[in-house]
């Protein structure tokens, strides 16, 4: 079992997309997900407070089985459902807490994330003269969001999220 954290603006959409395409019940490799805040002030208990400059990023923690789905596949999939060329912004979500970020928990994950990012850049964005702004960061302190935020879009299918499909 391995852990990974990724986010594009808005953790509800990130969690929703991973659960939709890798449902744990279908044994596609994702074991569980949770949403929360990482790499900043982690005494936040409410997503609305991240906009006050706490330095944290909203993130989706993905626990997966690498014997079923590779980390590289999950990173590549991450690039498919948001615009990784938008700096600190996606849809109505704006600010550093909504940056496109892959948060790694090992040197091996960081190396894979950099390799996949370079491949996605070359294959899908160089021809358009666009630059990926997704950051690759080392995992810091983590604070899980309250239960009301967990699997929010599974419970509220018409709820807001900024996910969209890209060409990656």
Protein backbone atom coordinates (compact mmCIF):
# COMPACT_ATOMS: atom_id res chain seq x y z
CA UNK A 1 0.00 0.00 0.00
CA UNK A 2 1.26 3.44 -0.86
CA UNK A 3 0.06 7.01 -0.29
CA UNK A 4 0.02 9.95 -2.59
CA UNK A 5 -1.45 13.43 -2.40
CA UNK A 6 -2.47 15.50 -5.36
CA UNK A 7 -4.57 18.48 -5.88
CA UNK A 8 -5.71 20.85 -8.42
CA UNK A 9 -7.95 23.66 -7.24
CA UNK A 10 -10.71 22.27 -5.06
CA UNK A 11 -10.20 18.95 -3.30
CA UNK A 12 -13.80 17.79 -3.74
CA UNK A 13 -13.35 17.51 -7.50
CA UNK A 14 -9.99 15.80 -7.21
CA UNK A 15 -11.36 13.17 -4.84
CA UNK A 16 -14.46 12.73 -7.00
CA UNK A 17 -12.46 12.11 -10.18
CA UNK A 18 -10.16 9.54 -8.56
CA UNK A 19 -13.10 7.67 -6.99
CA UNK A 20 -15.11 7.82 -10.23
CA UNK A 21 -12.34 6.34 -12.37
CA UNK A 22 -10.70 4.04 -9.80
CA UNK A 23 -13.62 2.92 -7.58
CA UNK A 24 -12.30 0.99 -4.56
CA UNK A 25 -15.16 -1.52 -4.89
CA UNK A 26 -13.94 -2.44 -8.38
CA UNK A 27 -10.38 -3.17 -7.22
CA UNK A 28 -8.76 -0.78 -9.72
CA UNK A 29 -5.97 0.12 -7.32
CA UNK A 30 -7.28 2.94 -5.17
CA UNK A 31 -7.98 1.71 -1.67
CA UNK A 32 -9.23 4.94 -0.13
CA UNK A 33 -9.17 8.72 -0.36
CA UNK A 34 -9.48 11.59 2.07
CA UNK A 35 -9.36 15.34 1.70
CA UNK A 36 -7.61 17.85 3.88
CA UNK A 37 -4.88 20.47 4.10
CA UNK A 38 -1.13 20.06 3.74
CA UNK A 39 2.14 22.01 3.64
CA UNK A 40 1.17 25.01 5.70
CA UNK A 41 -0.84 25.83 8.80
CA UNK A 42 -2.77 22.66 9.56
CA UNK A 43 -5.00 23.78 12.41
CA UNK A 44 -7.56 24.67 9.76
CA UNK A 45 -10.91 23.00 10.28
CA UNK A 46 -12.86 24.66 7.49
CA UNK A 47 -12.05 24.95 3.78
CA UNK A 48 -13.25 28.56 3.75
CA UNK A 49 -10.43 29.53 6.13
CA UNK A 50 -7.67 28.52 3.69
CA UNK A 51 -8.29 31.73 1.77
CA UNK A 52 -6.95 33.74 4.69
CA UNK A 53 -3.29 33.04 3.83
CA UNK A 54 -2.57 29.99 5.97
CA UNK A 55 -0.16 28.66 3.33
CA UNK A 56 -1.83 25.26 3.19
CA UNK A 57 -3.09 23.68 0.02
CA UNK A 58 -6.32 21.75 -0.27
CA UNK A 59 -5.31 18.21 -1.11
CA UNK A 60 -6.70 14.77 -1.77
CA UNK A 61 -4.83 11.89 -0.17
CA UNK A 62 -4.98 8.78 -2.32
CA UNK A 63 -4.08 5.43 -0.78
CA UNK A 64 -3.39 2.94 -3.55
CA UNK A 65 -2.04 -0.54 -4.22
CA UNK A 66 0.99 -0.20 -6.54
CA UNK A 67 0.64 -3.84 -7.59
CA UNK A 68 -2.66 -2.87 -9.28
CA UNK A 69 -2.15 0.73 -10.41
CA UNK A 70 1.18 2.46 -10.84
CA UNK A 71 2.01 5.81 -9.34
CA UNK A 72 2.91 7.03 -12.86
CA UNK A 73 -0.60 6.16 -14.09
CA UNK A 74 -2.20 8.11 -11.23
CA UNK A 75 0.01 11.14 -11.92
CA UNK A 76 -0.82 11.06 -15.63
CA UNK A 77 -4.54 10.70 -14.82
CA UNK A 78 -4.32 13.73 -12.51
CA UNK A 79 -3.36 15.89 -15.49
CA UNK A 80 -6.48 14.85 -17.39
CA UNK A 81 -9.09 16.55 -15.23
CA UNK A 82 -7.84 20.07 -14.71
CA UNK A 83 -5.93 22.80 -16.52
CA UNK A 84 -2.37 22.49 -15.17
CA UNK A 85 -1.34 25.66 -17.03
CA UNK A 86 -3.37 27.94 -14.72
CA UNK A 87 -1.30 29.42 -11.88
CA UNK A 88 -3.09 29.35 -8.51
CA UNK A 89 -6.46 29.34 -10.21
CA UNK A 90 -9.12 27.06 -11.67
CA UNK A 91 -12.73 27.99 -12.28
CA UNK A 92 -13.96 30.10 -9.35
CA UNK A 93 -11.13 28.90 -7.09
CA UNK A 94 -8.29 31.43 -6.85
CA UNK A 95 -5.27 31.69 -4.57
CA UNK A 96 -2.13 29.75 -3.64
CA UNK A 97 -4.18 27.28 -1.62
CA UNK A 98 -5.70 26.17 -4.93
CA UNK A 99 -2.41 25.64 -6.76
CA UNK A 100 -1.98 22.61 -9.00
CA UNK A 101 0.32 20.41 -6.98
CA UNK A 102 1.55 16.85 -6.68
CA UNK A 103 2.69 16.17 -3.13
CA UNK A 104 5.11 13.28 -2.86
CA UNK A 105 5.96 11.10 0.11
CA UNK A 106 9.26 9.69 -1.19
CA UNK A 107 12.18 10.50 -3.47
CA UNK A 108 10.97 7.77 -5.82
CA UNK A 109 7.51 9.39 -6.10
CA UNK A 110 9.11 12.80 -6.74
CA UNK A 111 11.25 11.34 -9.51
CA UNK A 112 8.25 9.63 -11.14
CA UNK A 113 6.12 12.78 -10.82
CA UNK A 114 8.84 14.87 -12.51
CA UNK A 115 9.22 12.31 -15.32
CA UNK A 116 5.47 12.05 -16.00
CA UNK A 117 5.10 15.83 -15.81
CA UNK A 118 7.84 16.27 -18.42
CA UNK A 119 6.17 13.67 -20.65
CA UNK A 120 2.76 15.35 -20.36
CA UNK A 121 4.35 18.74 -21.06
CA UNK A 122 6.09 17.46 -24.20
CA UNK A 123 3.16 15.43 -25.52
CA UNK A 124 0.23 17.76 -24.84
CA UNK A 125 1.37 21.30 -24.12
CA UNK A 126 4.60 22.12 -25.97
CA UNK A 127 2.80 22.19 -29.33
CA UNK A 128 0.36 24.73 -27.90
CA UNK A 129 3.19 26.84 -26.46
CA UNK A 130 1.72 26.34 -22.98
CA UNK A 131 3.71 25.62 -19.82
CA UNK A 132 2.59 23.37 -16.97
CA UNK A 133 2.71 25.21 -13.65
CA UNK A 134 1.97 22.17 -11.48
CA UNK A 135 4.34 22.11 -8.53
CA UNK A 136 5.88 18.96 -7.13
CA UNK A 137 6.29 19.33 -3.37
CA UNK A 138 7.43 17.10 -0.54
CA UNK A 139 4.70 16.15 1.92
CA UNK A 140 4.63 18.20 5.10
CA UNK A 141 2.10 18.26 7.91
CA UNK A 142 -1.37 16.94 7.04
CA UNK A 143 -4.72 17.87 8.56
CA UNK A 144 -7.71 15.85 7.45
CA UNK A 145 -10.78 17.93 6.68
CA UNK A 146 -13.99 17.34 8.68
CA UNK A 147 -16.36 14.52 7.71
CA UNK A 148 -18.65 16.95 5.87
CA UNK A 149 -15.91 17.42 3.24
CA UNK A 150 -15.10 13.71 2.75
CA UNK A 151 -16.57 12.26 -0.46
CA UNK A 152 -18.65 15.43 -0.71
CA UNK A 153 -19.51 15.08 -4.39
CA UNK A 154 -20.52 11.44 -3.96
CA UNK A 155 -23.13 12.65 -1.45
CA UNK A 156 -23.89 15.93 -3.30
CA UNK A 157 -23.61 15.13 -7.02
CA UNK A 158 -24.67 18.65 -8.04
CA UNK A 159 -22.12 20.29 -5.73
CA UNK A 160 -19.48 22.66 -7.05
CA UNK A 161 -16.19 21.43 -8.44
CA UNK A 162 -13.82 22.89 -11.00
CA UNK A 163 -12.73 19.64 -12.67
CA UNK A 164 -12.76 19.50 -16.42
CA UNK A 165 -11.12 17.33 -19.04
CA UNK A 166 -7.91 18.42 -20.71
CA UNK A 167 -6.11 16.86 -23.63
CA UNK A 168 -3.54 15.15 -21.40
